[in-house]
Amino acid sequence: MICLMETDGQKANTELGNIMIAKNLERIADHATNIAEDVVYIHTGRIIRHLRAV
């Protein structure tokens, strides 16, 4: 990234923006997963939050 910033600052700025977009999309997906797990719990009483392997 440093080399890219030295050679083409505009391109580095674009790539940094893409990284931030990806980070925020991941956070949105995490929140959506949490909401879905809460909905399943409210509807069925099953806790599925800790069932997936890490």
PDB file of N, CA and C in Angstrom:
ATOM      1  N   MET A   1       0.827  -1.180   0.000  1.00  0.00           N
ATOM      2  CA  MET A   1       0.000   0.000   0.000  1.00  0.00           C
ATOM      3  C   MET A   1       0.877   1.253   0.000  1.00  0.00           C
ATOM      4  N   ILE A   2       1.963   1.210   0.753  1.00  0.00           N
ATOM      5  CA  ILE A   2       2.856   2.372   0.806  1.00  0.00           C
ATOM      6  C   ILE A   2       3.463   2.643  -0.568  1.00  0.00           C
ATOM      7  N   CYS A   3       3.900   1.582  -1.238  1.00  0.00           N
ATOM      8  CA  CYS A   3       4.463   1.758  -2.581  1.00  0.00           C
ATOM      9  C   CYS A   3       3.422   2.328  -3.528  1.00  0.00           C
ATOM     10  N   LEU A   4       2.207   1.851  -3.417  1.00  0.00           N
ATOM     11  CA  LEU A   4       1.124   2.350  -4.268  1.00  0.00           C
ATOM     12  C   LEU A   4       0.859   3.823  -3.988  1.00  0.00           C
ATOM     13  N   MET A   5       0.895   4.206  -2.719  1.00  0.00           N
ATOM     14  CA  MET A   5       0.663   5.595  -2.358  1.00  0.00           C
ATOM     15  C   MET A   5       1.783   6.493  -2.890  1.00  0.00           C
ATOM     16  N   GLU A   6       3.007   5.965  -2.885  1.00  0.00           N
ATOM     17  CA  GLU A   6       4.131   6.752  -3.393  1.00  0.00           C
ATOM     18  C   GLU A   6       4.049   6.945  -4.899  1.00  0.00           C
ATOM     19  N   THR A   7       3.603   5.924  -5.619  1.00  0.00           N
ATOM     20  CA  THR A   7       3.573   6.010  -7.075  1.00  0.00           C
ATOM     21  C   THR A   7       2.311   6.674  -7.594  1.00  0.00           C
ATOM     22  N   ASP A   8       1.173   6.382  -6.973  1.00  0.00           N
ATOM     23  CA  ASP A   8      -0.089   6.940  -7.468  1.00  0.00           C
ATOM     24  C   ASP A   8      -1.044   7.144  -6.289  1.00  0.00           C
ATOM     25  N   GLY A   9      -0.988   8.332  -5.733  1.00  0.00           N
ATOM     26  CA  GLY A   9      -1.797   8.650  -4.555  1.00  0.00           C
ATOM     27  C   GLY A   9      -3.292   8.520  -4.796  1.00  0.00           C
ATOM     28  N   GLN A  10      -3.741   8.874  -5.984  1.00  0.00           N
ATOM     29  CA  GLN A  10      -5.181   8.787  -6.286  1.00  0.00           C
ATOM     30  C   GLN A  10      -5.657   7.337  -6.274  1.00  0.00           C
ATOM     31  N   LYS A  11      -4.848   6.438  -6.830  1.00  0.00           N
ATOM     32  CA  LYS A  11      -5.214   5.030  -6.847  1.00  0.00           C
ATOM     33  C   LYS A  11      -5.207   4.456  -5.432  1.00  0.00           C
ATOM     34  N   ALA A  12      -4.249   4.884  -4.617  1.00  0.00           N
ATOM     35  CA  ALA A  12      -4.188   4.425  -3.230  1.00  0.00           C
ATOM     36  C   ALA A  12      -5.428   4.868  -2.472  1.00  0.00           C
ATOM     37  N   ASN A  13      -5.883   6.076  -2.716  1.00  0.00           N
ATOM     38  CA  ASN A  13      -7.083   6.589  -2.061  1.00  0.00           C
ATOM     39  C   ASN A  13      -8.299   5.759  -2.457  1.00  0.00           C
ATOM     40  N   THR A  14      -8.377   5.377  -3.712  1.00  0.00           N
ATOM     41  CA  THR A  14      -9.478   4.537  -4.183  1.00  0.00           C
ATOM     42  C   THR A  14      -9.444   3.168  -3.522  1.00  0.00           C
ATOM     43  N   GLU A  15      -8.254   2.582  -3.453  1.00  0.00           N
ATOM     44  CA  GLU A  15      -8.116   1.256  -2.840  1.00  0.00           C
ATOM     45  C   GLU A  15      -8.437   1.300  -1.347  1.00  0.00           C
ATOM     46  N   LEU A  16      -8.026   2.347  -0.671  1.00  0.00           N
ATOM     47  CA  LEU A  16      -8.358   2.494   0.743  1.00  0.00           C
ATOM     48  C   LEU A  16      -9.874   2.598   0.926  1.00  0.00           C
ATOM     49  N   GLY A  17     -10.524   3.308   0.027  1.00  0.00           N
ATOM     50  CA  GLY A  17     -11.985   3.385   0.058  1.00  0.00           C
ATOM     51  C   GLY A  17     -12.620   2.017  -0.125  1.00  0.00           C
ATOM     52  N   ASN A  18     -12.074   1.213  -1.032  1.00  0.00           N
ATOM     53  CA  ASN A  18     -12.591  -0.141  -1.252  1.00  0.00           C
ATOM     54  C   ASN A  18     -12.425  -1.011  -0.015  1.00  0.00           C
ATOM     55  N   ILE A  19     -11.290  -0.857   0.668  1.00  0.00           N
ATOM     56  CA  ILE A  19     -11.059  -1.617   1.894  1.00  0.00           C
ATOM     57  C   ILE A  19     -12.091  -1.227   2.950  1.00  0.00           C
ATOM     58  N   MET A  20     -12.367   0.053   3.079  1.00  0.00           N
ATOM     59  CA  MET A  20     -13.347   0.517   4.066  1.00  0.00           C
ATOM     60  C   MET A  20     -14.755   0.019   3.720  1.00  0.00           C
ATOM     61  N   ILE A  21     -15.088  -0.003   2.441  1.00  0.00           N
ATOM     62  CA  ILE A  21     -16.391  -0.533   2.014  1.00  0.00           C
ATOM     63  C   ILE A  21     -16.504  -2.003   2.393  1.00  0.00           C
ATOM     64  N   ALA A  22     -15.455  -2.779   2.127  1.00  0.00           N
ATOM     65  CA  ALA A  22     -15.472  -4.208   2.463  1.00  0.00           C
ATOM     66  C   ALA A  22     -15.620  -4.405   3.965  1.00  0.00           C
ATOM     67  N   LYS A  23     -14.912  -3.602   4.750  1.00  0.00           N
ATOM     68  CA  LYS A  23     -15.003  -3.701   6.207  1.00  0.00           C
ATOM     69  C   LYS A  23     -16.427  -3.424   6.682  1.00  0.00           C
ATOM     70  N   ASN A  24     -17.017  -2.385   6.142  1.00  0.00           N
ATOM     71  CA  ASN A  24     -18.378  -2.031   6.556  1.00  0.00           C
ATOM     72  C   ASN A  24     -19.411  -3.053   6.090  1.00  0.00           C
ATOM     73  N   LEU A  25     -19.220  -3.626   4.922  1.00  0.00           N
ATOM     74  CA  LEU A  25     -20.126  -4.688   4.465  1.00  0.00           C
ATOM     75  C   LEU A  25     -20.028  -5.912   5.374  1.00  0.00           C
ATOM     76  N   GLU A  26     -18.830  -6.215   5.841  1.00  0.00           N
ATOM     77  CA  GLU A  26     -18.666  -7.332   6.771  1.00  0.00           C
ATOM     78  C   GLU A  26     -19.396  -7.052   8.081  1.00  0.00           C
ATOM     79  N   ARG A  27     -19.315  -5.824   8.558  1.00  0.00           N
ATOM     80  CA  ARG A  27     -20.034  -5.467   9.793  1.00  0.00           C
ATOM     81  C   ARG A  27     -21.542  -5.585   9.602  1.00  0.00           C
ATOM     82  N   ILE A  28     -22.035  -5.147   8.443  1.00  0.00           N
ATOM     83  CA  ILE A  28     -23.467  -5.265   8.155  1.00  0.00           C
ATOM     84  C   ILE A  28     -23.889  -6.729   8.154  1.00  0.00           C
ATOM     85  N   ALA A  29     -23.069  -7.580   7.545  1.00  0.00           N
ATOM     86  CA  ALA A  29     -23.375  -9.016   7.509  1.00  0.00           C
ATOM     87  C   ALA A  29     -23.387  -9.608   8.911  1.00  0.00           C
ATOM     88  N   ASP A  30     -22.455  -9.185   9.758  1.00  0.00           N
ATOM     89  CA  ASP A  30     -22.428  -9.671  11.144  1.00  0.00           C
ATOM     90  C   ASP A  30     -23.700  -9.255  11.885  1.00  0.00           C
ATOM     91  N   HIS A  31     -24.114  -8.012  11.694  1.00  0.00           N
ATOM     92  CA  HIS A  31     -25.348  -7.545  12.337  1.00  0.00           C
ATOM     93  C   HIS A  31     -26.566  -8.309  11.819  1.00  0.00           C
ATOM     94  N   ALA A  32     -26.614  -8.559  10.521  1.00  0.00           N
ATOM     95  CA  ALA A  32     -27.738  -9.312   9.949  1.00  0.00           C
ATOM     96  C   ALA A  32     -27.786 -10.722  10.512  1.00  0.00           C
ATOM     97  N   THR A  33     -26.621 -11.334  10.684  1.00  0.00           N
ATOM     98  CA  THR A  33     -26.556 -12.676  11.280  1.00  0.00           C
ATOM     99  C   THR A  33     -27.091 -12.647  12.703  1.00  0.00           C
ATOM    100  N   ASN A  34     -26.686 -11.655  13.481  1.00  0.00           N
ATOM    101  CA  ASN A  34     -27.166 -11.536  14.857  1.00  0.00           C
ATOM    102  C   ASN A  34     -28.679 -11.354  14.909  1.00  0.00           C
ATOM    103  N   ILE A  35     -29.206 -10.545  14.017  1.00  0.00           N
ATOM    104  CA  ILE A  35     -30.656 -10.338  13.969  1.00  0.00           C
ATOM    105  C   ILE A  35     -31.365 -11.638  13.621  1.00  0.00           C
ATOM    106  N   ALA A  36     -30.848 -12.368  12.632  1.00  0.00           N
ATOM    107  CA  ALA A  36     -31.464 -13.643  12.237  1.00  0.00           C
ATOM    108  C   ALA A  36     -31.437 -14.638  13.390  1.00  0.00           C
ATOM    109  N   GLU A  37     -30.334 -14.693  14.126  1.00  0.00           N
ATOM    110  CA  GLU A  37     -30.250 -15.600  15.273  1.00  0.00           C
ATOM    111  C   GLU A  37     -31.256 -15.213  16.350  1.00  0.00           C
ATOM    112  N   ASP A  38     -31.433 -13.920  16.565  1.00  0.00           N
ATOM    113  CA  ASP A  38     -32.422 -13.462  17.543  1.00  0.00           C
ATOM    114  C   ASP A  38     -33.841 -13.812  17.106  1.00  0.00           C
ATOM    115  N   VAL A  39     -34.128 -13.686  15.829  1.00  0.00           N
ATOM    116  CA  VAL A  39     -35.454 -14.023  15.307  1.00  0.00           C
ATOM    117  C   VAL A  39     -35.737 -15.508  15.509  1.00  0.00           C
ATOM    118  N   VAL A  40     -34.759 -16.354  15.213  1.00  0.00           N
ATOM    119  CA  VAL A  40     -34.933 -17.797  15.415  1.00  0.00           C
ATOM    120  C   VAL A  40     -35.192 -18.078  16.889  1.00  0.00           C
ATOM    121  N   TYR A  41     -34.450 -17.423  17.776  1.00  0.00           N
ATOM    122  CA  TYR A  41     -34.646 -17.638  19.206  1.00  0.00           C
ATOM    123  C   TYR A  41     -36.044 -17.193  19.645  1.00  0.00           C
ATOM    124  N   ILE A  42     -36.473 -16.042  19.198  1.00  0.00           N
ATOM    125  CA  ILE A  42     -37.798 -15.534  19.581  1.00  0.00           C
ATOM    126  C   ILE A  42     -38.899 -16.447  19.056  1.00  0.00           C
ATOM    127  N   HIS A  43     -38.739 -16.948  17.841  1.00  0.00           N
ATOM    128  CA  HIS A  43     -39.771 -17.765  17.219  1.00  0.00           C
ATOM    129  C   HIS A  43     -39.803 -19.196  17.771  1.00  0.00           C
ATOM    130  N   THR A  44     -38.634 -19.808  17.979  1.00  0.00           N
ATOM    131  CA  THR A  44     -38.589 -21.223  18.348  1.00  0.00           C
ATOM    132  C   THR A  44     -38.073 -21.486  19.759  1.00  0.00           C
ATOM    133  N   GLY A  45     -37.359 -20.525  20.337  1.00  0.00           N
ATOM    134  CA  GLY A  45     -36.747 -20.750  21.633  1.00  0.00           C
ATOM    135  C   GLY A  45     -35.409 -21.460  21.551  1.00  0.00           C
ATOM    136  N   ARG A  46     -34.971 -21.792  20.330  1.00  0.00           N
ATOM    137  CA  ARG A  46     -33.670 -22.455  20.139  1.00  0.00           C
ATOM    138  C   ARG A  46     -32.557 -21.422  20.061  1.00  0.00           C
ATOM    139  N   ILE A  47     -31.463 -21.704  20.753  1.00  0.00           N
ATOM    140  CA  ILE A  47     -30.293 -20.849  20.654  1.00  0.00           C
ATOM    141  C   ILE A  47     -29.370 -21.459  19.604  1.00  0.00           C
ATOM    142  N   ILE A  48     -29.220 -20.761  18.496  1.00  0.00           N
ATOM    143  CA  ILE A  48     -28.371 -21.273  17.419  1.00  0.00           C
ATOM    144  C   ILE A  48     -27.064 -20.482  17.322  1.00  0.00           C
ATOM    145  N   ARG A  49     -26.888 -19.527  18.168  1.00  0.00           N
ATOM    146  CA  ARG A  49     -25.738 -18.633  18.113  1.00  0.00           C
ATOM    147  C   ARG A  49     -24.413 -19.375  18.239  1.00  0.00           C
ATOM    148  N   HIS A  50     -24.350 -20.392  19.063  1.00  0.00           N
ATOM    149  CA  HIS A  50     -23.078 -21.049  19.333  1.00  0.00           C
ATOM    150  C   HIS A  50     -22.948 -22.396  18.646  1.00  0.00           C
ATOM    151  N   LEU A  51     -23.787 -22.663  17.675  1.00  0.00           N
ATOM    152  CA  LEU A  51     -23.759 -23.966  17.002  1.00  0.00           C
ATOM    153  C   LEU A  51     -22.715 -24.028  15.892  1.00  0.00           C
ATOM    154  N   ARG A  52     -22.381 -22.915  15.267  1.00  0.00           N
ATOM    155  CA  ARG A  52     -21.445 -22.947  14.149  1.00  0.00           C
ATOM    156  C   ARG A  52     -20.022 -23.120  14.639  1.00  0.00           C
ATOM    157  N   ALA A  53     -19.237 -23.832  13.849  1.00  0.00           N
ATOM    158  CA  ALA A  53     -17.830 -24.059  14.192  1.00  0.00           C
ATOM    159  C   ALA A  53     -17.029 -22.810  13.918  1.00  0.00           C
ATOM    160  N   VAL A  54     -16.037 -22.597  14.711  1.00  0.00           N
ATOM    161  CA  VAL A  54     -15.196 -21.405  14.547  1.00  0.00           C
ATOM    162  C   VAL A  54     -14.056 -21.687  13.633  1.00  0.00           C
TER     163      VAL A  54
END
